[in-house]
Amino acid sequence: MGHRRIQEDSDGPTMSRQQRKTSRRNPEAGMTLLELIIACSILVILSSAALPVARYAIVRSKETELRRDLREMKDAIDRYKDSADKNLIRVEVGSEGYPPDLETLVKGVHVGASGDKKIRFLRKIPVDPMTGQADWGFRAVQDDPDSNSWGGKNVFDVYSKSQATALDGTKYSEW
């Protein structure tokens, strides 16, 4: 007679090959050390790729805020100039109809000869997102277009005092 293999229950001394394979693997077992190292390496690579993207997103949002603030202030200066040209507000002689400073746009000016009504052109002086201060560079009508010093007679143009370079390669002070 041939050899006959007697298999007992999995509790017994003799186990089939399939039973031995399944008994070694615990369904609740965790990851091996190699799997953890590989997973961590992948996470490091992905996060290092995402870091520059996050930095550019922050810079881009600051640039957008700077453009919005400059547009808001320049629009207020233009509205002041339009009101002065229409003789709706009184202006100083020699000012060319431009405001003497940004604070005048915030505080407002009296409208008409009676002076009982006041008009404000700017709610508040915004903070320069690049410098973190409400300190802006000004140009007067009498100044050179690329001048960095203000003549002090009026505010014709506003620019950032930041000397940093934008993502497009231009200086923020040239915007």
C-alpha atoms as a PDB file:
ATOM      1  CA  MET A   1       0.000   0.000   0.000  1.00  0.00           C
ATOM      2  CA  GLY A   2       1.092   3.458  -0.727  1.00  0.00           C
ATOM      3  CA  HIS A   3       1.789   6.068   1.720  1.00  0.00           C
ATOM      4  CA  ARG A   4      -1.296   7.825   2.642  1.00  0.00           C
ATOM      5  CA  ARG A   5      -1.074  11.226   4.110  1.00  0.00           C
ATOM      6  CA  ILE A   6      -3.346  11.771   7.008  1.00  0.00           C
ATOM      7  CA  GLN A   7      -4.434  15.301   7.564  1.00  0.00           C
ATOM      8  CA  GLU A   8      -5.752  16.373  10.835  1.00  0.00           C
ATOM      9  CA  ASP A   9      -7.455  19.551  11.844  1.00  0.00           C
ATOM     10  CA  SER A  10      -5.376  22.717  11.792  1.00  0.00           C
ATOM     11  CA  ASP A  11      -4.929  22.188  15.516  1.00  0.00           C
ATOM     12  CA  GLY A  12      -3.110  18.926  14.900  1.00  0.00           C
ATOM     13  CA  PRO A  13       0.587  18.383  14.271  1.00  0.00           C
ATOM     14  CA  THR A  14       0.351  17.883  10.531  1.00  0.00           C
ATOM     15  CA  MET A  15      -0.786  20.824   8.363  1.00  0.00           C
ATOM     16  CA  SER A  16      -1.188  21.136   4.667  1.00  0.00           C
ATOM     17  CA  ARG A  17       0.901  23.658   2.758  1.00  0.00           C
ATOM     18  CA  GLN A  18      -2.073  25.996   2.256  1.00  0.00           C
ATOM     19  CA  GLN A  19      -2.881  25.958   5.939  1.00  0.00           C
ATOM     20  CA  ARG A  20       0.697  26.824   6.833  1.00  0.00           C
ATOM     21  CA  LYS A  21       0.683  29.820   4.418  1.00  0.00           C
ATOM     22  CA  THR A  22      -2.509  31.257   5.780  1.00  0.00           C
ATOM     23  CA  SER A  23      -1.542  30.694   9.369  1.00  0.00           C
ATOM     24  CA  ARG A  24       1.649  32.776   8.941  1.00  0.00           C
ATOM     25  CA  ARG A  25      -0.231  35.791   7.690  1.00  0.00           C
ATOM     26  CA  ASN A  26      -2.202  37.588  10.262  1.00  0.00           C
ATOM     27  CA  PRO A  27      -4.922  39.677   8.631  1.00  0.00           C
ATOM     28  CA  GLU A  28      -4.335  42.390  11.251  1.00  0.00           C
ATOM     29  CA  ALA A  29      -0.591  42.581  10.583  1.00  0.00           C
ATOM     30  CA  GLY A  30       0.847  46.043   9.782  1.00  0.00           C
ATOM     31  CA  MET A  31       3.289  47.228   7.163  1.00  0.00           C
ATOM     32  CA  THR A  32       6.859  46.051   7.025  1.00  0.00           C
ATOM     33  CA  LEU A  33       9.725  48.451   7.639  1.00  0.00           C
ATOM     34  CA  LEU A  34      10.596  48.509   3.939  1.00  0.00           C
ATOM     35  CA  GLU A  35       7.035  49.439   3.020  1.00  0.00           C
ATOM     36  CA  LEU A  36       7.077  52.260   5.573  1.00  0.00           C
ATOM     37  CA  ILE A  37      10.378  53.619   4.233  1.00  0.00           C
ATOM     38  CA  ILE A  38       9.090  53.560   0.657  1.00  0.00           C
ATOM     39  CA  ALA A  39       5.817  55.251   1.634  1.00  0.00           C
ATOM     40  CA  CYS A  40       7.696  57.972   3.556  1.00  0.00           C
ATOM     41  CA  SER A  41      10.058  58.521   0.619  1.00  0.00           C
ATOM     42  CA  ILE A  42       7.136  59.010  -1.729  1.00  0.00           C
ATOM     43  CA  LEU A  43       5.534  61.489   0.684  1.00  0.00           C
ATOM     44  CA  VAL A  44       8.788  63.468   0.976  1.00  0.00           C
ATOM     45  CA  ILE A  45       9.139  63.677  -2.807  1.00  0.00           C
ATOM     46  CA  LEU A  46       5.536  64.811  -3.270  1.00  0.00           C
ATOM     47  CA  SER A  47       5.696  67.384  -0.479  1.00  0.00           C
ATOM     48  CA  SER A  48       8.980  68.812  -1.772  1.00  0.00           C
ATOM     49  CA  ALA A  49       7.341  69.260  -5.158  1.00  0.00           C
ATOM     50  CA  ALA A  50       4.330  70.997  -3.596  1.00  0.00           C
ATOM     51  CA  LEU A  51       6.363  73.453  -1.479  1.00  0.00           C
ATOM     52  CA  PRO A  52       7.457  75.745  -4.364  1.00  0.00           C
ATOM     53  CA  VAL A  53       3.903  75.744  -5.688  1.00  0.00           C
ATOM     54  CA  ALA A  54       2.625  76.916  -2.298  1.00  0.00           C
ATOM     55  CA  ARG A  55       5.293  79.641  -2.142  1.00  0.00           C
ATOM     56  CA  TYR A  56       4.355  80.925  -5.592  1.00  0.00           C
ATOM     57  CA  ALA A  57       0.689  80.919  -4.609  1.00  0.00           C
ATOM     58  CA  ILE A  58       1.460  83.137  -1.593  1.00  0.00           C
ATOM     59  CA  VAL A  59       3.546  85.546  -3.678  1.00  0.00           C
ATOM     60  CA  ARG A  60       0.888  85.598  -6.380  1.00  0.00           C
ATOM     61  CA  SER A  61      -1.813  86.485  -3.851  1.00  0.00           C
ATOM     62  CA  LYS A  62       0.328  89.325  -2.458  1.00  0.00           C
ATOM     63  CA  GLU A  63       0.922  90.611  -5.984  1.00  0.00           C
ATOM     64  CA  THR A  64      -2.809  90.527  -6.679  1.00  0.00           C
ATOM     65  CA  GLU A  65      -3.450  92.460  -3.470  1.00  0.00           C
ATOM     66  CA  LEU A  66      -0.767  95.012  -4.406  1.00  0.00           C
ATOM     67  CA  ARG A  67      -2.302  95.555  -7.858  1.00  0.00           C
ATOM     68  CA  ARG A  68      -5.750  95.970  -6.290  1.00  0.00           C
ATOM     69  CA  ASP A  69      -4.485  98.470  -3.689  1.00  0.00           C
ATOM     70  CA  LEU A  70      -2.591 100.501  -6.292  1.00  0.00           C
ATOM     71  CA  ARG A  71      -5.624 100.530  -8.583  1.00  0.00           C
ATOM     72  CA  GLU A  72      -7.851 101.638  -5.689  1.00  0.00           C
ATOM     73  CA  MET A  73      -5.560 104.530  -4.725  1.00  0.00           C
ATOM     74  CA  LYS A  74      -4.943 105.635  -8.316  1.00  0.00           C
ATOM     75  CA  ASP A  75      -8.696 105.551  -8.963  1.00  0.00           C
ATOM     76  CA  ALA A  76      -9.263 107.744  -5.878  1.00  0.00           C
ATOM     77  CA  ILE A  77      -6.630 110.215  -7.129  1.00  0.00           C
ATOM     78  CA  ASP A  78      -8.341 110.310 -10.542  1.00  0.00           C
ATOM     79  CA  ARG A  79     -11.775 110.909  -8.975  1.00  0.00           C
ATOM     80  CA  TYR A  80     -10.298 113.749  -6.879  1.00  0.00           C
ATOM     81  CA  LYS A  81      -8.759 115.243 -10.052  1.00  0.00           C
ATOM     82  CA  ASP A  82     -12.078 114.932 -11.939  1.00  0.00           C
ATOM     83  CA  SER A  83     -13.926 116.682  -9.093  1.00  0.00           C
ATOM     84  CA  ALA A  84     -11.306 119.442  -9.045  1.00  0.00           C
ATOM     85  CA  ASP A  85     -11.517 119.890 -12.830  1.00  0.00           C
ATOM     86  CA  LYS A  86     -15.321 120.214 -12.568  1.00  0.00           C
ATOM     87  CA  ASN A  87     -14.872 122.810  -9.795  1.00  0.00           C
ATOM     88  CA  LEU A  88     -16.841 120.665  -7.358  1.00  0.00           C
ATOM     89  CA  ILE A  89     -14.115 120.932  -4.717  1.00  0.00           C
ATOM     90  CA  ARG A  90     -11.666 123.659  -3.789  1.00  0.00           C
ATOM     91  CA  VAL A  91      -7.993 122.950  -4.452  1.00  0.00           C
ATOM     92  CA  GLU A  92      -4.788 124.782  -3.699  1.00  0.00           C
ATOM     93  CA  VAL A  93      -3.254 126.927  -6.403  1.00  0.00           C
ATOM     94  CA  GLY A  94      -0.342 125.136  -8.048  1.00  0.00           C
ATOM     95  CA  SER A  95      -1.578 121.674  -7.162  1.00  0.00           C
ATOM     96  CA  GLU A  96      -2.789 121.052 -10.723  1.00  0.00           C
ATOM     97  CA  GLY A  97      -6.001 119.665  -9.201  1.00  0.00           C
ATOM     98  CA  TYR A  98      -4.322 116.673  -7.542  1.00  0.00           C
ATOM     99  CA  PRO A  99      -4.598 115.887  -3.801  1.00  0.00           C
ATOM    100  CA  PRO A 100      -1.813 117.125  -1.504  1.00  0.00           C
ATOM    101  CA  ASP A 101      -1.517 113.652   0.108  1.00  0.00           C
ATOM    102  CA  LEU A 102      -3.393 110.376   0.545  1.00  0.00           C
ATOM    103  CA  GLU A 103      -4.722 111.442   3.933  1.00  0.00           C
ATOM    104  CA  THR A 104      -6.785 114.145   2.176  1.00  0.00           C
ATOM    105  CA  LEU A 105      -8.502 111.397   0.162  1.00  0.00           C
ATOM    106  CA  VAL A 106      -9.351 109.548   3.391  1.00  0.00           C
ATOM    107  CA  LYS A 107     -10.476 112.553   5.471  1.00  0.00           C
ATOM    108  CA  GLY A 108     -12.442 113.980   2.563  1.00  0.00           C
ATOM    109  CA  VAL A 109     -12.920 117.475   1.189  1.00  0.00           C
ATOM    110  CA  HIS A 110     -15.838 119.887   1.317  1.00  0.00           C
ATOM    111  CA  VAL A 111     -18.031 120.001  -1.757  1.00  0.00           C
ATOM    112  CA  GLY A 112     -19.223 123.280  -3.242  1.00  0.00           C
ATOM    113  CA  ALA A 113     -18.986 126.824  -1.963  1.00  0.00           C
ATOM    114  CA  SER A 114     -21.144 126.221   1.117  1.00  0.00           C
ATOM    115  CA  GLY A 115     -18.831 123.504   2.435  1.00  0.00           C
ATOM    116  CA  ASP A 116     -21.544 121.694   4.381  1.00  0.00           C
ATOM    117  CA  LYS A 117     -21.154 118.419   2.467  1.00  0.00           C
ATOM    118  CA  LYS A 118     -17.987 116.352   2.546  1.00  0.00           C
ATOM    119  CA  ILE A 119     -16.877 113.765   0.017  1.00  0.00           C
ATOM    120  CA  ARG A 120     -14.354 111.016   0.717  1.00  0.00           C
ATOM    121  CA  PHE A 121     -12.454 109.365  -2.103  1.00  0.00           C
ATOM    122  CA  LEU A 122     -10.703 106.599  -0.177  1.00  0.00           C
ATOM    123  CA  ARG A 123     -11.951 104.598   2.803  1.00  0.00           C
ATOM    124  CA  LYS A 124      -8.485 104.056   4.281  1.00  0.00           C
ATOM    125  CA  ILE A 125      -4.879 104.001   3.171  1.00  0.00           C
ATOM    126  CA  PRO A 126      -4.143 100.358   2.387  1.00  0.00           C
ATOM    127  CA  VAL A 127      -1.112  98.504   3.723  1.00  0.00           C
ATOM    128  CA  ASP A 128       1.509  97.639   1.117  1.00  0.00           C
ATOM    129  CA  PRO A 129       1.459  93.806   1.094  1.00  0.00           C
ATOM    130  CA  MET A 130       5.117  93.675   0.047  1.00  0.00           C
ATOM    131  CA  THR A 131       6.490  95.884   2.833  1.00  0.00           C
ATOM    132  CA  GLY A 132       3.764  95.325   5.429  1.00  0.00           C
ATOM    133  CA  GLN A 133       3.410  99.073   6.044  1.00  0.00           C
ATOM    134  CA  ALA A 134       0.998 101.776   4.894  1.00  0.00           C
ATOM    135  CA  ASP A 135       3.993 103.666   3.517  1.00  0.00           C
ATOM    136  CA  TRP A 136       3.812 104.340  -0.213  1.00  0.00           C
ATOM    137  CA  GLY A 137       6.001 106.193  -2.659  1.00  0.00           C
ATOM    138  CA  PHE A 138       4.506 109.275  -4.337  1.00  0.00           C
ATOM    139  CA  ARG A 139       5.163 111.210  -7.529  1.00  0.00           C
ATOM    140  CA  ALA A 140       4.007 114.761  -8.122  1.00  0.00           C
ATOM    141  CA  VAL A 141       3.062 116.190 -11.511  1.00  0.00           C
ATOM    142  CA  GLN A 142       6.309 118.160 -11.455  1.00  0.00           C
ATOM    143  CA  ASP A 143       8.482 115.042 -10.778  1.00  0.00           C
ATOM    144  CA  ASP A 144      10.149 112.950 -13.471  1.00  0.00           C
ATOM    145  CA  PRO A 145       8.078 109.891 -14.451  1.00  0.00           C
ATOM    146  CA  ASP A 146      10.688 107.472 -13.046  1.00  0.00           C
ATOM    147  CA  SER A 147      11.661 109.577 -10.043  1.00  0.00           C
ATOM    148  CA  ASN A 148      11.922 107.982  -6.607  1.00  0.00           C
ATOM    149  CA  SER A 149      11.785 111.276  -4.732  1.00  0.00           C
ATOM    150  CA  TRP A 150       8.576 113.170  -4.182  1.00  0.00           C
ATOM    151  CA  GLY A 151       8.372 116.919  -4.810  1.00  0.00           C
ATOM    152  CA  GLY A 152       5.738 117.205  -2.075  1.00  0.00           C
ATOM    153  CA  LYS A 153       3.304 119.523  -3.888  1.00  0.00           C
ATOM    154  CA  ASN A 154       0.695 116.958  -4.873  1.00  0.00           C
ATOM    155  CA  VAL A 155       0.114 113.246  -5.392  1.00  0.00           C
ATOM    156  CA  PHE A 156      -0.060 112.396  -9.071  1.00  0.00           C
ATOM    157  CA  ASP A 157       1.041 108.760  -8.814  1.00  0.00           C
ATOM    158  CA  VAL A 158       1.507 106.077  -6.130  1.00  0.00           C
ATOM    159  CA  TYR A 159       3.939 103.155  -6.114  1.00  0.00           C
ATOM    160  CA  SER A 160       5.246 100.488  -3.738  1.00  0.00           C
ATOM    161  CA  LYS A 161       8.483 101.199  -1.895  1.00  0.00           C
ATOM    162  CA  SER A 162       9.456  97.531  -2.110  1.00  0.00           C
ATOM    163  CA  GLN A 163      12.611  96.909  -4.126  1.00  0.00           C
ATOM    164  CA  ALA A 164      11.797  93.215  -4.624  1.00  0.00           C
ATOM    165  CA  THR A 165      11.233  91.688  -8.030  1.00  0.00           C
ATOM    166  CA  ALA A 166       7.831  90.360  -9.094  1.00  0.00           C
ATOM    167  CA  LEU A 167       7.206  86.922 -10.590  1.00  0.00           C
ATOM    168  CA  ASP A 168       7.064  88.524 -14.038  1.00  0.00           C
ATOM    169  CA  GLY A 169      10.565  90.013 -13.582  1.00  0.00           C
ATOM    170  CA  THR A 170       9.565  93.641 -12.996  1.00  0.00           C
ATOM    171  CA  LYS A 171      10.195  95.628  -9.820  1.00  0.00           C
ATOM    172  CA  TYR A 172       7.186  96.241  -7.595  1.00  0.00           C
ATOM    173  CA  SER A 173       8.166  99.907  -7.426  1.00  0.00           C
ATOM    174  CA  GLU A 174       7.595 100.156 -11.203  1.00  0.00           C
ATOM    175  CA  TRP A 175       3.962  99.038 -11.049  1.00  0.00           C
END
